[in-house]
Amino acid sequence: PRHVPAKIVAVTDIPRTKSGKITELAVRDVVHGRAIKNKEALANPEALELFKNLPQLAD
């Protein structure tokens, strides 16, 4: 397979755009402590909070 995740973590919500697409880049930025670009394009920006400071994602 081309893309194999290093970790799989269960969460209650995944951030999506207003058109319903999953926003992987926004999640990546939150996990790495970077500013989120274009947060107003998200249908559920509160879902990003689930990914902040998750011990399972710590390097």
PDB file of N, CA and C in Angstrom:
ATOM      1  N   PRO A   1       0.825  -1.212   0.000  1.00  0.00           N
ATOM      2  CA  PRO A   1       0.000   0.000   0.000  1.00  0.00           C
ATOM      3  C   PRO A   1       0.861   1.264   0.000  1.00  0.00           C
ATOM      4  N   ARG A   2       0.335   2.299  -0.594  1.00  0.00           N
ATOM      5  CA  ARG A   2       1.072   3.566  -0.670  1.00  0.00           C
ATOM      6  C   ARG A   2       1.067   4.316   0.645  1.00  0.00           C
ATOM      7  N   HIS A   3      -0.078   4.363   1.302  1.00  0.00           N
ATOM      8  CA  HIS A   3      -0.200   5.149   2.526  1.00  0.00           C
ATOM      9  C   HIS A   3      -0.579   4.232   3.684  1.00  0.00           C
ATOM     10  N   VAL A   4       0.341   4.073   4.597  1.00  0.00           N
ATOM     11  CA  VAL A   4       0.091   3.248   5.769  1.00  0.00           C
ATOM     12  C   VAL A   4       0.267   4.137   6.996  1.00  0.00           C
ATOM     13  N   PRO A   5      -0.767   4.290   7.821  1.00  0.00           N
ATOM     14  CA  PRO A   5      -0.642   5.162   8.990  1.00  0.00           C
ATOM     15  C   PRO A   5       0.308   4.573  10.028  1.00  0.00           C
ATOM     16  N   ALA A   6       1.067   5.454  10.666  1.00  0.00           N
ATOM     17  CA  ALA A   6       1.952   5.017  11.742  1.00  0.00           C
ATOM     18  C   ALA A   6       1.144   4.697  12.992  1.00  0.00           C
ATOM     19  N   LYS A   7       0.044   5.444  13.178  1.00  0.00           N
ATOM     20  CA  LYS A   7      -0.812   5.245  14.348  1.00  0.00           C
ATOM     21  C   LYS A   7      -2.266   5.389  13.933  1.00  0.00           C
ATOM     22  N   ILE A   8      -3.127   4.668  14.626  1.00  0.00           N
ATOM     23  CA  ILE A   8      -4.569   4.804  14.435  1.00  0.00           C
ATOM     24  C   ILE A   8      -5.157   5.160  15.791  1.00  0.00           C
ATOM     25  N   VAL A   9      -5.858   6.303  15.847  1.00  0.00           N
ATOM     26  CA  VAL A   9      -6.416   6.804  17.099  1.00  0.00           C
ATOM     27  C   VAL A   9      -7.906   7.058  16.899  1.00  0.00           C
ATOM     28  N   ALA A  10      -8.722   6.546  17.798  1.00  0.00           N
ATOM     29  CA  ALA A  10     -10.167   6.766  17.722  1.00  0.00           C
ATOM     30  C   ALA A  10     -10.511   8.145  18.283  1.00  0.00           C
ATOM     31  N   VAL A  11     -11.306   8.907  17.540  1.00  0.00           N
ATOM     32  CA  VAL A  11     -11.797  10.214  17.988  1.00  0.00           C
ATOM     33  C   VAL A  11     -13.302  10.270  17.728  1.00  0.00           C
ATOM     34  N   THR A  12     -13.974  11.191  18.392  1.00  0.00           N
ATOM     35  CA  THR A  12     -15.432  11.270  18.259  1.00  0.00           C
ATOM     36  C   THR A  12     -15.885  12.085  17.059  1.00  0.00           C
ATOM     37  N   ASP A  13     -14.992  12.902  16.491  1.00  0.00           N
ATOM     38  CA  ASP A  13     -15.368  13.725  15.340  1.00  0.00           C
ATOM     39  C   ASP A  13     -14.122  14.018  14.521  1.00  0.00           C
ATOM     40  N   ILE A  14     -14.303  14.242  13.233  1.00  0.00           N
ATOM     41  CA  ILE A  14     -13.212  14.584  12.326  1.00  0.00           C
ATOM     42  C   ILE A  14     -13.577  15.895  11.650  1.00  0.00           C
ATOM     43  N   PRO A  15     -12.657  16.863  11.621  1.00  0.00           N
ATOM     44  CA  PRO A  15     -12.981  18.130  10.976  1.00  0.00           C
ATOM     45  C   PRO A  15     -13.221  17.953   9.477  1.00  0.00           C
ATOM     46  N   ARG A  16     -14.260  18.625   9.000  1.00  0.00           N
ATOM     47  CA  ARG A  16     -14.629  18.559   7.581  1.00  0.00           C
ATOM     48  C   ARG A  16     -14.877  19.964   7.043  1.00  0.00           C
ATOM     49  N   THR A  17     -14.706  20.085   5.736  1.00  0.00           N
ATOM     50  CA  THR A  17     -15.030  21.350   5.092  1.00  0.00           C
ATOM     51  C   THR A  17     -16.546  21.457   4.959  1.00  0.00           C
ATOM     52  N   LYS A  18     -17.007  22.608   4.546  1.00  0.00           N
ATOM     53  CA  LYS A  18     -18.449  22.802   4.371  1.00  0.00           C
ATOM     54  C   LYS A  18     -19.007  21.923   3.255  1.00  0.00           C
ATOM     55  N   SER A  19     -18.124  21.450   2.365  1.00  0.00           N
ATOM     56  CA  SER A  19     -18.575  20.540   1.306  1.00  0.00           C
ATOM     57  C   SER A  19     -18.488  19.074   1.734  1.00  0.00           C
ATOM     58  N   GLY A  20     -18.055  18.807   2.988  1.00  0.00           N
ATOM     59  CA  GLY A  20     -18.045  17.455   3.519  1.00  0.00           C
ATOM     60  C   GLY A  20     -16.737  16.699   3.402  1.00  0.00           C
ATOM     61  N   LYS A  21     -15.697  17.336   2.884  1.00  0.00           N
ATOM     62  CA  LYS A  21     -14.412  16.653   2.734  1.00  0.00           C
ATOM     63  C   LYS A  21     -13.635  16.695   4.052  1.00  0.00           C
ATOM     64  N   ILE A  22     -12.908  15.639   4.339  1.00  0.00           N
ATOM     65  CA  ILE A  22     -12.075  15.571   5.543  1.00  0.00           C
ATOM     66  C   ILE A  22     -10.857  16.480   5.349  1.00  0.00           C
ATOM     67  N   THR A  23     -10.520  17.239   6.389  1.00  0.00           N
ATOM     68  CA  THR A  23      -9.406  18.185   6.302  1.00  0.00           C
ATOM     69  C   THR A  23      -8.179  17.634   7.022  1.00  0.00           C
ATOM     70  N   GLU A  24      -7.412  16.833   6.319  1.00  0.00           N
ATOM     71  CA  GLU A  24      -6.229  16.213   6.905  1.00  0.00           C
ATOM     72  C   GLU A  24      -5.132  17.226   7.215  1.00  0.00           C
ATOM     73  N   LEU A  25      -4.988  18.246   6.381  1.00  0.00           N
ATOM     74  CA  LEU A  25      -3.937  19.235   6.609  1.00  0.00           C
ATOM     75  C   LEU A  25      -4.183  20.035   7.876  1.00  0.00           C
ATOM     76  N   ALA A  26      -5.430  20.361   8.153  1.00  0.00           N
ATOM     77  CA  ALA A  26      -5.749  21.096   9.378  1.00  0.00           C
ATOM     78  C   ALA A  26      -5.441  20.244  10.602  1.00  0.00           C
ATOM     79  N   VAL A  27      -5.744  18.966  10.540  1.00  0.00           N
ATOM     80  CA  VAL A  27      -5.438  18.060  11.655  1.00  0.00           C
ATOM     81  C   VAL A  27      -3.928  17.979  11.845  1.00  0.00           C
ATOM     82  N   ARG A  28      -3.201  17.840  10.766  1.00  0.00           N
ATOM     83  CA  ARG A  28      -1.736  17.780  10.850  1.00  0.00           C
ATOM     84  C   ARG A  28      -1.183  19.026  11.522  1.00  0.00           C
ATOM     85  N   ASP A  29      -1.690  20.191  11.121  1.00  0.00           N
ATOM     86  CA  ASP A  29      -1.203  21.438  11.703  1.00  0.00           C
ATOM     87  C   ASP A  29      -1.512  21.522  13.191  1.00  0.00           C
ATOM     88  N   VAL A  30      -2.694  21.103  13.602  1.00  0.00           N
ATOM     89  CA  VAL A  30      -3.052  21.128  15.026  1.00  0.00           C
ATOM     90  C   VAL A  30      -2.148  20.182  15.815  1.00  0.00           C
ATOM     91  N   VAL A  31      -1.924  19.001  15.303  1.00  0.00           N
ATOM     92  CA  VAL A  31      -1.088  18.016  15.995  1.00  0.00           C
ATOM     93  C   VAL A  31       0.327  18.552  16.194  1.00  0.00           C
ATOM     94  N   HIS A  32       0.829  19.300  15.209  1.00  0.00           N
ATOM     95  CA  HIS A  32       2.190  19.834  15.285  1.00  0.00           C
ATOM     96  C   HIS A  32       2.254  21.237  15.884  1.00  0.00           C
ATOM     97  N   GLY A  33       1.132  21.734  16.388  1.00  0.00           N
ATOM     98  CA  GLY A  33       1.119  23.028  17.062  1.00  0.00           C
ATOM     99  C   GLY A  33       1.211  24.230  16.143  1.00  0.00           C
ATOM    100  N   ARG A  34       0.881  24.060  14.881  1.00  0.00           N
ATOM    101  CA  ARG A  34       0.930  25.167  13.913  1.00  0.00           C
ATOM    102  C   ARG A  34      -0.418  25.859  13.812  1.00  0.00           C
ATOM    103  N   ALA A  35      -0.391  27.080  13.316  1.00  0.00           N
ATOM    104  CA  ALA A  35      -1.627  27.840  13.103  1.00  0.00           C
ATOM    105  C   ALA A  35      -2.450  27.190  11.991  1.00  0.00           C
ATOM    106  N   ILE A  36      -3.765  27.234  12.138  1.00  0.00           N
ATOM    107  CA  ILE A  36      -4.668  26.651  11.147  1.00  0.00           C
ATOM    108  C   ILE A  36      -4.977  27.690  10.082  1.00  0.00           C
ATOM    109  N   LYS A  37      -4.768  27.309   8.832  1.00  0.00           N
ATOM    110  CA  LYS A  37      -5.088  28.196   7.717  1.00  0.00           C
ATOM    111  C   LYS A  37      -6.521  27.936   7.272  1.00  0.00           C
ATOM    112  N   ASN A  38      -7.240  28.993   6.958  1.00  0.00           N
ATOM    113  CA  ASN A  38      -8.583  28.894   6.390  1.00  0.00           C
ATOM    114  C   ASN A  38      -9.571  28.159   7.303  1.00  0.00           C
ATOM    115  N   LYS A  39      -9.498  28.446   8.593  1.00  0.00           N
ATOM    116  CA  LYS A  39     -10.375  27.792   9.570  1.00  0.00           C
ATOM    117  C   LYS A  39     -11.850  28.089   9.298  1.00  0.00           C
ATOM    118  N   GLU A  40     -12.135  29.227   8.678  1.00  0.00           N
ATOM    119  CA  GLU A  40     -13.523  29.587   8.377  1.00  0.00           C
ATOM    120  C   GLU A  40     -14.149  28.690   7.308  1.00  0.00           C
ATOM    121  N   ALA A  41     -13.342  27.906   6.603  1.00  0.00           N
ATOM    122  CA  ALA A  41     -13.868  26.984   5.594  1.00  0.00           C
ATOM    123  C   ALA A  41     -14.361  25.672   6.213  1.00  0.00           C
ATOM    124  N   LEU A  42     -14.129  25.493   7.510  1.00  0.00           N
ATOM    125  CA  LEU A  42     -14.527  24.252   8.168  1.00  0.00           C
ATOM    126  C   LEU A  42     -15.978  24.303   8.618  1.00  0.00           C
ATOM    127  N   ALA A  43     -16.672  23.197   8.444  1.00  0.00           N
ATOM    128  CA  ALA A  43     -18.061  23.093   8.899  1.00  0.00           C
ATOM    129  C   ALA A  43     -18.117  22.879  10.406  1.00  0.00           C
ATOM    130  N   ASN A  44     -17.095  22.227  10.957  1.00  0.00           N
ATOM    131  CA  ASN A  44     -17.055  21.925  12.391  1.00  0.00           C
ATOM    132  C   ASN A  44     -15.651  22.185  12.961  1.00  0.00           C
ATOM    133  N   PRO A  45     -15.234  23.431  13.038  1.00  0.00           N
ATOM    134  CA  PRO A  45     -13.880  23.730  13.522  1.00  0.00           C
ATOM    135  C   PRO A  45     -13.632  23.265  14.956  1.00  0.00           C
ATOM    136  N   GLU A  46     -14.694  23.096  15.730  1.00  0.00           N
ATOM    137  CA  GLU A  46     -14.526  22.623  17.108  1.00  0.00           C
ATOM    138  C   GLU A  46     -13.933  21.212  17.158  1.00  0.00           C
ATOM    139  N   ALA A  47     -14.046  20.453  16.085  1.00  0.00           N
ATOM    140  CA  ALA A  47     -13.483  19.103  16.042  1.00  0.00           C
ATOM    141  C   ALA A  47     -11.955  19.123  16.104  1.00  0.00           C
ATOM    142  N   LEU A  48     -11.343  20.225  15.720  1.00  0.00           N
ATOM    143  CA  LEU A  48      -9.884  20.321  15.787  1.00  0.00           C
ATOM    144  C   LEU A  48      -9.378  20.247  17.223  1.00  0.00           C
ATOM    145  N   GLU A  49     -10.189  20.690  18.165  1.00  0.00           N
ATOM    146  CA  GLU A  49      -9.793  20.665  19.577  1.00  0.00           C
ATOM    147  C   GLU A  49      -9.515  19.242  20.056  1.00  0.00           C
ATOM    148  N   LEU A  50     -10.161  18.262  19.447  1.00  0.00           N
ATOM    149  CA  LEU A  50      -9.962  16.864  19.841  1.00  0.00           C
ATOM    150  C   LEU A  50      -8.536  16.388  19.590  1.00  0.00           C
ATOM    151  N   PHE A  51      -7.849  17.040  18.658  1.00  0.00           N
ATOM    152  CA  PHE A  51      -6.520  16.599  18.258  1.00  0.00           C
ATOM    153  C   PHE A  51      -5.399  17.333  18.983  1.00  0.00           C
ATOM    154  N   LYS A  52      -5.736  18.345  19.769  1.00  0.00           N
ATOM    155  CA  LYS A  52      -4.717  19.079  20.524  1.00  0.00           C
ATOM    156  C   LYS A  52      -4.296  18.255  21.732  1.00  0.00           C
ATOM    157  N   ASN A  53      -3.012  18.132  21.919  1.00  0.00           N
ATOM    158  CA  ASN A  53      -2.436  17.487  23.107  1.00  0.00           C
ATOM    159  C   ASN A  53      -2.909  16.052  23.330  1.00  0.00           C
ATOM    160  N   LEU A  54      -3.114  15.317  22.259  1.00  0.00           N
ATOM    161  CA  LEU A  54      -3.446  13.891  22.397  1.00  0.00           C
ATOM    162  C   LEU A  54      -2.161  13.122  22.718  1.00  0.00           C
ATOM    163  N   PRO A  55      -2.098  12.453  23.855  1.00  0.00           N
ATOM    164  CA  PRO A  55      -0.867  11.728  24.195  1.00  0.00           C
ATOM    165  C   PRO A  55      -0.529  10.633  23.178  1.00  0.00           C
ATOM    166  N   GLN A  56      -1.535  10.075  22.521  1.00  0.00           N
ATOM    167  CA  GLN A  56      -1.294   9.017  21.533  1.00  0.00           C
ATOM    168  C   GLN A  56      -0.544   9.541  20.310  1.00  0.00           C
ATOM    169  N   LEU A  57      -0.621  10.852  20.062  1.00  0.00           N
ATOM    170  CA  LEU A  57       0.019  11.426  18.881  1.00  0.00           C
ATOM    171  C   LEU A  57       1.360  12.076  19.191  1.00  0.00           C
ATOM    172  N   ALA A  58       1.778  12.058  20.443  1.00  0.00           N
ATOM    173  CA  ALA A  58       3.068  12.652  20.815  1.00  0.00           C
ATOM    174  C   ALA A  58       4.197  11.837  20.190  1.00  0.00           C
ATOM    175  N   ASP A  59       5.196  12.543  19.712  1.00  0.00           N
ATOM    176  CA  ASP A  59       6.341  11.850  19.081  1.00  0.00           C
ATOM    177  C   ASP A  59       7.321  11.353  20.102  1.00  0.00           C
TER     178      ASP A  59
END
